[in-house]
Amino acid sequence: MDRPGAEADKINLKNLFKDLSFRVIVKKDLTKHEIETVAQRYGTVDHSEFDAFVFILMSHGGDRDCILGVDGRETTVKEFDVRVPRKQVSITKEQTQGVHYSNLQGAPR
């Protein structure tokens, strides 16, 4: 799936978070199953040793509230939310927790 500008967005986000002293891990061109596996893996990690945790997923969406893998298969935001179980993430009183979804639904070029 051709995503014009995605590479520049990835580089800019990576540089921004490195400049903010985050450890940056990039996964690219994931299938539906791989997206769900990565979300579950990082969603269940003990985050109590970190000051902050940011998970960014860049993908085109479909005509509904969905996340599209490179295999063309969809996972919905609701399914994704289940794979990142906030109640299982260790958060201390000093940590802030937030989830932000931004779904690009523009027509592919």
Protein backbone atom coordinates (compact mmCIF):
# COMPACT_ATOMS: atom_id res chain seq x y z
CA MET A 1 0.00 0.00 0.00
CA ASP A 2 1.54 3.29 -1.10
CA ARG A 3 1.51 5.91 1.65
CA PRO A 4 3.04 9.13 0.30
CA GLY A 5 4.78 11.10 3.02
CA ALA A 6 4.74 8.22 5.53
CA GLU A 7 8.53 7.83 5.45
CA ALA A 8 9.07 11.54 6.17
CA ASP A 9 6.49 11.39 8.99
CA LYS A 10 8.26 8.36 10.47
CA ILE A 11 11.66 10.07 10.37
CA ASN A 12 10.28 13.30 11.87
CA LEU A 13 8.51 11.46 14.71
CA LYS A 14 11.56 9.31 15.40
CA ASN A 15 13.83 12.37 15.58
CA LEU A 16 11.37 14.28 17.76
CA PHE A 17 11.09 11.52 20.35
CA LYS A 18 14.85 10.83 20.33
CA ASP A 19 15.41 14.55 20.97
CA LEU A 20 13.02 14.18 23.95
CA SER A 21 15.21 11.30 25.25
CA PHE A 22 12.74 8.53 24.44
CA ARG A 23 13.93 5.07 23.46
CA VAL A 24 12.46 4.69 19.96
CA ILE A 25 11.48 1.35 18.43
CA VAL A 26 10.16 1.39 14.86
CA LYS A 27 8.12 -1.42 13.32
CA LYS A 28 7.25 -1.00 9.65
CA ASP A 29 4.69 -2.46 7.24
CA LEU A 30 2.82 -4.68 9.70
CA THR A 31 -0.04 -7.02 8.91
CA LYS A 32 -3.24 -6.99 10.99
CA HIS A 33 -1.94 -9.86 13.09
CA GLU A 34 1.46 -8.20 13.60
CA ILE A 35 -0.20 -4.93 14.67
CA GLU A 36 -2.28 -6.78 17.25
CA THR A 37 0.76 -8.75 18.48
CA VAL A 38 2.92 -5.63 18.88
CA ALA A 39 0.09 -3.76 20.62
CA GLN A 40 -0.46 -6.62 23.03
CA ARG A 41 3.27 -6.99 23.72
CA TYR A 42 3.88 -3.34 24.53
CA GLY A 43 0.49 -2.88 26.18
CA THR A 44 1.25 -5.51 28.80
CA VAL A 45 4.81 -4.43 29.63
CA ASP A 46 5.39 -3.11 33.17
CA HIS A 47 5.78 0.63 32.54
CA SER A 48 6.46 1.55 36.18
CA GLU A 49 10.17 2.14 35.45
CA PHE A 50 9.38 4.76 32.78
CA ASP A 51 8.39 8.39 33.16
CA ALA A 52 6.27 8.11 30.00
CA PHE A 53 5.28 5.59 27.35
CA VAL A 54 4.15 6.59 23.87
CA PHE A 55 2.79 4.13 21.30
CA ILE A 56 2.26 5.58 17.83
CA LEU A 57 0.62 3.57 15.08
CA MET A 58 0.62 5.13 11.63
CA SER A 59 -1.82 3.52 9.24
CA HIS A 60 -4.61 4.33 6.85
CA GLY A 61 -8.08 3.55 8.06
CA GLY A 62 -11.10 2.33 6.18
CA ASP A 63 -14.60 3.71 5.95
CA ARG A 64 -15.20 2.83 9.59
CA ASP A 65 -13.18 3.34 12.75
CA CYS A 66 -10.48 0.85 11.81
CA ILE A 67 -6.75 0.35 11.53
CA LEU A 68 -5.57 -1.21 8.29
CA GLY A 69 -2.64 -3.63 8.08
CA VAL A 70 -0.44 -3.89 4.98
CA ASP A 71 -2.26 -7.13 4.18
CA GLY A 72 -5.48 -5.10 3.72
CA ARG A 73 -7.10 -6.66 6.79
CA GLU A 74 -8.69 -4.43 9.41
CA THR A 75 -8.60 -4.30 13.17
CA THR A 76 -11.03 -1.88 14.78
CA VAL A 77 -10.06 0.71 17.34
CA LYS A 78 -12.25 -1.21 19.81
CA GLU A 79 -10.28 -4.44 19.17
CA PHE A 80 -7.03 -2.49 19.43
CA ASP A 81 -8.15 -1.01 22.76
CA VAL A 82 -8.69 -4.54 24.09
CA ARG A 83 -5.17 -5.53 22.98
CA VAL A 84 -3.72 -2.62 24.99
CA PRO A 85 -5.41 -3.32 28.35
CA ARG A 86 -4.87 -0.15 30.38
CA LYS A 87 -5.94 -1.87 33.59
CA GLN A 88 -2.96 -4.27 33.24
CA VAL A 89 -0.40 -1.52 32.70
CA SER A 90 1.45 -0.61 35.89
CA ILE A 91 1.11 3.13 36.41
CA THR A 92 2.39 4.95 39.48
CA LYS A 93 0.78 8.05 40.95
CA GLU A 94 3.44 10.24 39.31
CA GLN A 95 2.83 8.88 35.80
CA THR A 96 0.24 10.17 33.40
CA GLN A 97 -1.57 7.76 31.15
CA GLY A 98 -3.33 8.67 27.96
CA VAL A 99 -4.36 7.12 24.70
CA HIS A 100 -4.81 9.13 21.51
CA TYR A 101 -6.17 7.80 18.23
CA SER A 102 -5.73 9.63 14.96
CA ASN A 103 -7.07 7.75 11.94
CA LEU A 104 -6.18 8.98 8.45
CA GLN A 105 -9.12 8.32 6.17
CA GLY A 106 -8.12 10.20 3.08
CA ALA A 107 -8.46 8.56 -0.30
CA PRO A 108 -5.33 6.69 -1.43
CA ARG A 109 -3.50 8.36 -4.32
